Amino acid sequence: MLAKTFVDNAKIMAKGQVTIPKDIREVLGVSSGDRISFIVEGNTVRIVNSAVYAMQMLQREMAGEADRTGLNSDEDVLALVKELRNEDEKV
């Protein structure tokens, strides 16, 4: 499904279960056994792929941390890893 916005619906069963329509599962990139998250904002609920959502939250939390710690290049990161590995060997 290529459209950015579309509407689909599903019936709530007796135990509160809902089958997520195939088009929605494809857009979310989820299949059997995957996890989804429900985000409630007022009277609106968003359903998102839990793994993607967790990565987005981590990226938001980590935004700017590299600059704050002075890790501005790949070389800086490699130097830190080397330093930490050397400290682990000394212990």
C-alpha atoms as a PDB file:
ATOM      1  CA  MET A   1       0.000   0.000   0.000  1.00  0.00           C
ATOM      2  CA  LEU A   2       1.658   3.229  -1.169  1.00  0.00           C
ATOM      3  CA  ALA A   3      -0.812   5.831   0.143  1.00  0.00           C
ATOM      4  CA  LYS A   4       0.387   7.828   3.138  1.00  0.00           C
ATOM      5  CA  THR A   5      -3.070   8.119   4.664  1.00  0.00           C
ATOM      6  CA  PHE A   6      -5.869   5.595   4.457  1.00  0.00           C
ATOM      7  CA  VAL A   7      -8.629   4.219   6.622  1.00  0.00           C
ATOM      8  CA  ASP A   8      -9.253   0.591   7.450  1.00  0.00           C
ATOM      9  CA  ASN A   9     -11.397  -0.967  10.150  1.00  0.00           C
ATOM     10  CA  ALA A  10     -11.757  -4.127  12.192  1.00  0.00           C
ATOM     11  CA  LYS A  11     -14.324  -5.630  14.520  1.00  0.00           C
ATOM     12  CA  ILE A  12     -13.667  -6.009  18.255  1.00  0.00           C
ATOM     13  CA  MET A  13     -14.332  -9.583  19.328  1.00  0.00           C
ATOM     14  CA  ALA A  14     -15.850 -10.732  22.654  1.00  0.00           C
ATOM     15  CA  LYS A  15     -12.482 -10.838  24.473  1.00  0.00           C
ATOM     16  CA  GLY A  16     -11.451  -7.408  23.156  1.00  0.00           C
ATOM     17  CA  GLN A  17      -9.263  -8.878  20.433  1.00  0.00           C
ATOM     18  CA  VAL A  18      -8.882  -7.204  17.063  1.00  0.00           C
ATOM     19  CA  THR A  19      -7.299  -8.540  13.894  1.00  0.00           C
ATOM     20  CA  ILE A  20      -5.048  -5.861  12.433  1.00  0.00           C
ATOM     21  CA  PRO A  21      -5.871  -5.633   8.723  1.00  0.00           C
ATOM     22  CA  LYS A  22      -3.184  -6.895   6.345  1.00  0.00           C
ATOM     23  CA  ASP A  23      -2.618  -3.452   4.784  1.00  0.00           C
ATOM     24  CA  ILE A  24      -1.952  -1.986   8.233  1.00  0.00           C
ATOM     25  CA  ARG A  25       0.423  -4.828   9.184  1.00  0.00           C
ATOM     26  CA  GLU A  26       2.352  -4.241   5.957  1.00  0.00           C
ATOM     27  CA  VAL A  27       2.649  -0.499   6.592  1.00  0.00           C
ATOM     28  CA  LEU A  28       3.852  -1.151  10.150  1.00  0.00           C
ATOM     29  CA  GLY A  29       6.232  -3.879   8.999  1.00  0.00           C
ATOM     30  CA  VAL A  30       4.890  -6.382  11.526  1.00  0.00           C
ATOM     31  CA  SER A  31       3.952 -10.032  11.284  1.00  0.00           C
ATOM     32  CA  SER A  32       3.007 -12.887  13.568  1.00  0.00           C
ATOM     33  CA  GLY A  33       4.906 -12.739  16.861  1.00  0.00           C
ATOM     34  CA  ASP A  34       6.005  -9.109  16.489  1.00  0.00           C
ATOM     35  CA  ARG A  35       5.009  -6.551  19.090  1.00  0.00           C
ATOM     36  CA  ILE A  36       3.063  -3.337  18.601  1.00  0.00           C
ATOM     37  CA  SER A  37       2.566  -0.368  20.902  1.00  0.00           C
ATOM     38  CA  PHE A  38      -0.599   1.648  21.457  1.00  0.00           C
ATOM     39  CA  ILE A  39       0.007   5.360  21.989  1.00  0.00           C
ATOM     40  CA  VAL A  40      -3.013   7.185  23.399  1.00  0.00           C
ATOM     41  CA  GLU A  41      -3.208  10.940  22.817  1.00  0.00           C
ATOM     42  CA  GLY A  42      -6.506  12.345  24.029  1.00  0.00           C
ATOM     43  CA  ASN A  43      -9.215  10.353  22.268  1.00  0.00           C
ATOM     44  CA  THR A  44      -6.858   9.187  19.497  1.00  0.00           C
ATOM     45  CA  VAL A  45      -4.831   5.973  19.485  1.00  0.00           C
ATOM     46  CA  ARG A  46      -1.796   5.352  17.303  1.00  0.00           C
ATOM     47  CA  ILE A  47      -0.589   1.807  16.673  1.00  0.00           C
ATOM     48  CA  VAL A  48       3.134   1.560  15.998  1.00  0.00           C
ATOM     49  CA  ASN A  49       5.744  -1.147  15.503  1.00  0.00           C
ATOM     50  CA  SER A  50       7.256  -1.498  19.007  1.00  0.00           C
ATOM     51  CA  ALA A  51      10.809  -2.069  17.757  1.00  0.00           C
ATOM     52  CA  VAL A  52      10.720   1.000  15.513  1.00  0.00           C
ATOM     53  CA  TYR A  53       9.135   3.085  18.270  1.00  0.00           C
ATOM     54  CA  ALA A  54      11.774   2.029  20.809  1.00  0.00           C
ATOM     55  CA  MET A  55      14.561   2.961  18.378  1.00  0.00           C
ATOM     56  CA  GLN A  56      12.963   6.358  17.701  1.00  0.00           C
ATOM     57  CA  MET A  57      12.701   7.034  21.444  1.00  0.00           C
ATOM     58  CA  LEU A  58      16.344   6.038  21.959  1.00  0.00           C
ATOM     59  CA  GLN A  59      17.447   8.287  19.102  1.00  0.00           C
ATOM     60  CA  ARG A  60      15.510  11.208  20.624  1.00  0.00           C
ATOM     61  CA  GLU A  61      17.078  10.578  24.037  1.00  0.00           C
ATOM     62  CA  MET A  62      20.580  10.325  22.570  1.00  0.00           C
ATOM     63  CA  ALA A  63      20.296  13.351  20.256  1.00  0.00           C
ATOM     64  CA  GLY A  64      23.235  15.673  20.865  1.00  0.00           C
ATOM     65  CA  GLU A  65      25.041  13.329  23.288  1.00  0.00           C
ATOM     66  CA  ALA A  66      27.966  12.801  20.905  1.00  0.00           C
ATOM     67  CA  ASP A  67      28.589  16.542  20.683  1.00  0.00           C
ATOM     68  CA  ARG A  68      28.253  16.966  24.464  1.00  0.00           C
ATOM     69  CA  THR A  69      30.839  14.254  25.079  1.00  0.00           C
ATOM     70  CA  GLY A  70      33.217  15.425  22.357  1.00  0.00           C
ATOM     71  CA  LEU A  71      32.716  12.411  20.104  1.00  0.00           C
ATOM     72  CA  ASN A  72      32.584  14.270  16.805  1.00  0.00           C
ATOM     73  CA  SER A  73      34.129  11.749  14.419  1.00  0.00           C
ATOM     74  CA  ASP A  74      34.612   8.039  13.885  1.00  0.00           C
ATOM     75  CA  GLU A  75      38.181   8.484  15.060  1.00  0.00           C
ATOM     76  CA  ASP A  76      36.970   9.944  18.372  1.00  0.00           C
ATOM     77  CA  VAL A  77      34.696   6.937  18.912  1.00  0.00           C
ATOM     78  CA  LEU A  78      37.463   4.458  18.040  1.00  0.00           C
ATOM     79  CA  ALA A  79      39.867   6.212  20.422  1.00  0.00           C
ATOM     80  CA  LEU A  80      37.292   5.980  23.239  1.00  0.00           C
ATOM     81  CA  VAL A  81      36.689   2.276  22.563  1.00  0.00           C
ATOM     82  CA  LYS A  82      40.449   1.630  22.559  1.00  0.00           C
ATOM     83  CA  GLU A  83      40.835   3.556  25.826  1.00  0.00           C
ATOM     84  CA  LEU A  84      38.000   1.629  27.486  1.00  0.00           C
ATOM     85  CA  ARG A  85      39.369  -1.705  26.316  1.00  0.00           C
ATOM     86  CA  ASN A  86      42.785  -0.854  27.750  1.00  0.00           C
ATOM     87  CA  GLU A  87      41.187   0.031  31.107  1.00  0.00           C
ATOM     88  CA  ASP A  88      39.328  -3.295  31.146  1.00  0.00           C
ATOM     89  CA  GLU A  89      42.599  -5.187  30.588  1.00  0.00           C
ATOM     90  CA  LYS A  90      44.203  -3.437  33.582  1.00  0.00           C
ATOM     91  CA  VAL A  91      41.464  -4.540  35.988  1.00  0.00           C
END
